[in-house]
Amino acid sequence: KFAMVAPDVQIDDGKGTILISSEEGETEANNHRKLSDFGIRNGTRLQADDFLQDYTLLINVLHSEDLDKDVEFEVVGDTPEKVGPKPSEPTSKNITNGSDDGAQPSTSTGT
């Protein structure tokens, strides 16, 4: 749903409990477990990081009984329009007169 390539997902509780790891096999034992097995319930925050794309999400888990039939979850809120590596910034800037505000040296003559 979030177009993550190699996500790491952990509970955002300061303990660092990892639910999903981008390292193959590291969290495979979690695949059959329910979120409640980890103490995740209404109001829990998860942090999902995709280092390959320099992409991080904070996810707030909200419990609802009002989902449509056969709908397991719903994403509510802003989702990224474009996912992928951030464009690199130019390495050099054209700086004139010690600043980057475009100011030019004075050309007036004192009289």
Protein backbone atom coordinates (compact mmCIF):
# COMPACT_ATOMS: atom_id res chain seq x y z
CA LYS A 1 0.00 0.00 0.00
CA PHE A 2 2.90 2.39 0.74
CA ALA A 3 5.23 1.22 -2.08
CA MET A 4 8.05 0.37 0.30
CA VAL A 5 10.83 -1.78 -1.14
CA ALA A 6 12.66 -3.06 1.94
CA PRO A 7 10.85 -1.78 5.03
CA ASP A 8 11.83 -2.06 8.66
CA VAL A 9 8.82 -1.63 10.96
CA GLN A 10 9.08 -1.18 14.70
CA ILE A 11 6.78 -0.20 17.52
CA ASP A 12 7.42 3.46 18.33
CA ASP A 13 7.60 2.89 22.09
CA GLY A 14 11.29 3.42 22.79
CA LYS A 15 11.93 -0.34 23.21
CA GLY A 16 12.81 -0.97 19.56
CA THR A 17 10.53 -3.98 19.06
CA ILE A 18 10.99 -4.87 15.38
CA LEU A 19 7.92 -6.32 13.63
CA ILE A 20 9.22 -6.42 10.06
CA SER A 21 12.88 -6.38 9.06
CA SER A 22 14.46 -5.79 5.68
CA GLU A 23 17.04 -8.42 6.67
CA GLU A 24 15.89 -11.73 5.17
CA GLY A 25 14.61 -14.20 7.78
CA GLU A 26 15.15 -11.89 10.77
CA THR A 27 11.45 -11.47 11.61
CA GLU A 28 9.96 -14.38 9.68
CA ALA A 29 8.60 -15.86 12.93
CA ASN A 30 6.33 -12.80 13.27
CA ASN A 31 4.44 -13.52 10.04
CA HIS A 32 1.78 -15.70 11.70
CA ARG A 33 1.35 -13.49 14.77
CA LYS A 34 -1.41 -10.93 15.30
CA LEU A 35 -0.72 -7.30 16.15
CA SER A 36 -2.30 -7.84 19.57
CA ASP A 37 0.43 -10.45 20.29
CA PHE A 38 2.86 -7.52 20.36
CA GLY A 39 0.64 -5.31 22.52
CA ILE A 40 -0.42 -3.24 19.52
CA ARG A 41 -3.89 -1.83 19.93
CA ASN A 42 -5.85 1.34 19.34
CA GLY A 43 -3.49 4.33 19.60
CA THR A 44 -0.22 2.46 19.10
CA ARG A 45 2.33 4.15 16.83
CA LEU A 46 4.52 2.27 14.40
CA GLN A 47 7.56 3.60 12.55
CA ALA A 48 8.27 2.24 9.08
CA ASP A 49 11.61 3.02 7.44
CA ASP A 50 12.67 2.16 3.91
CA PHE A 51 16.37 3.05 3.83
CA LEU A 52 16.68 2.18 0.14
CA GLN A 53 14.27 4.99 -0.69
CA ASP A 54 15.11 7.33 2.21
CA TYR A 55 11.44 7.08 3.17
CA THR A 56 9.96 7.03 6.70
CA LEU A 57 6.35 6.77 7.83
CA LEU A 58 4.79 7.15 11.25
CA ILE A 59 1.65 5.03 11.44
CA ASN A 60 -1.06 5.52 14.05
CA VAL A 61 -3.10 2.35 14.58
CA LEU A 62 -6.78 3.06 15.10
CA HIS A 63 -9.22 0.24 15.78
CA SER A 64 -12.56 0.35 13.94
CA GLU A 65 -15.53 -1.99 13.77
CA ASP A 66 -17.03 -0.02 10.85
CA LEU A 67 -15.00 -1.36 7.92
CA ASP A 68 -16.78 -2.67 4.86
CA LYS A 69 -17.14 -6.42 4.43
CA ASP A 70 -13.88 -8.12 3.38
CA VAL A 71 -11.86 -4.96 4.15
CA GLU A 72 -9.04 -5.72 6.58
CA PHE A 73 -7.64 -2.20 6.97
CA GLU A 74 -8.01 1.31 5.68
CA VAL A 75 -5.35 3.97 5.19
CA VAL A 76 -6.58 7.36 6.34
CA GLY A 77 -4.56 10.52 5.90
CA ASP A 78 -1.99 11.83 3.51
CA THR A 79 -0.05 9.28 1.52
CA PRO A 80 3.06 10.23 -0.42
CA GLU A 81 2.44 11.23 -4.02
CA LYS A 82 5.83 10.07 -5.18
CA VAL A 83 7.99 7.45 -3.58
CA GLY A 84 11.60 7.00 -4.48
CA PRO A 85 15.05 8.35 -3.80
CA LYS A 86 15.14 12.02 -2.95
CA PRO A 87 16.61 14.16 -5.72
CA SER A 88 20.15 15.18 -4.96
CA GLU A 89 20.78 18.84 -4.29
CA PRO A 90 23.24 20.72 -6.46
CA THR A 91 26.70 20.45 -5.00
CA SER A 92 27.75 23.96 -5.95
CA LYS A 93 25.88 27.24 -5.76
CA ASN A 94 26.65 30.40 -7.65
CA ILE A 95 27.61 32.80 -4.86
CA THR A 96 28.29 36.45 -5.59
CA ASN A 97 29.92 38.86 -3.13
CA GLY A 98 29.95 36.30 -0.32
CA SER A 99 26.19 35.76 -0.28
CA ASP A 100 23.65 33.85 -2.29
CA ASP A 101 21.03 36.65 -2.44
CA GLY A 102 22.11 37.85 -5.87
CA ALA A 103 23.56 41.14 -4.58
CA GLN A 104 26.26 42.66 -6.75
CA PRO A 105 29.21 44.75 -5.63
CA SER A 106 28.63 48.48 -5.66
CA THR A 107 29.77 50.27 -8.82
CA SER A 108 29.11 53.83 -7.62
CA THR A 109 31.95 56.34 -7.40
CA GLY A 110 32.34 58.59 -4.40
CA THR A 111 31.99 62.31 -5.21
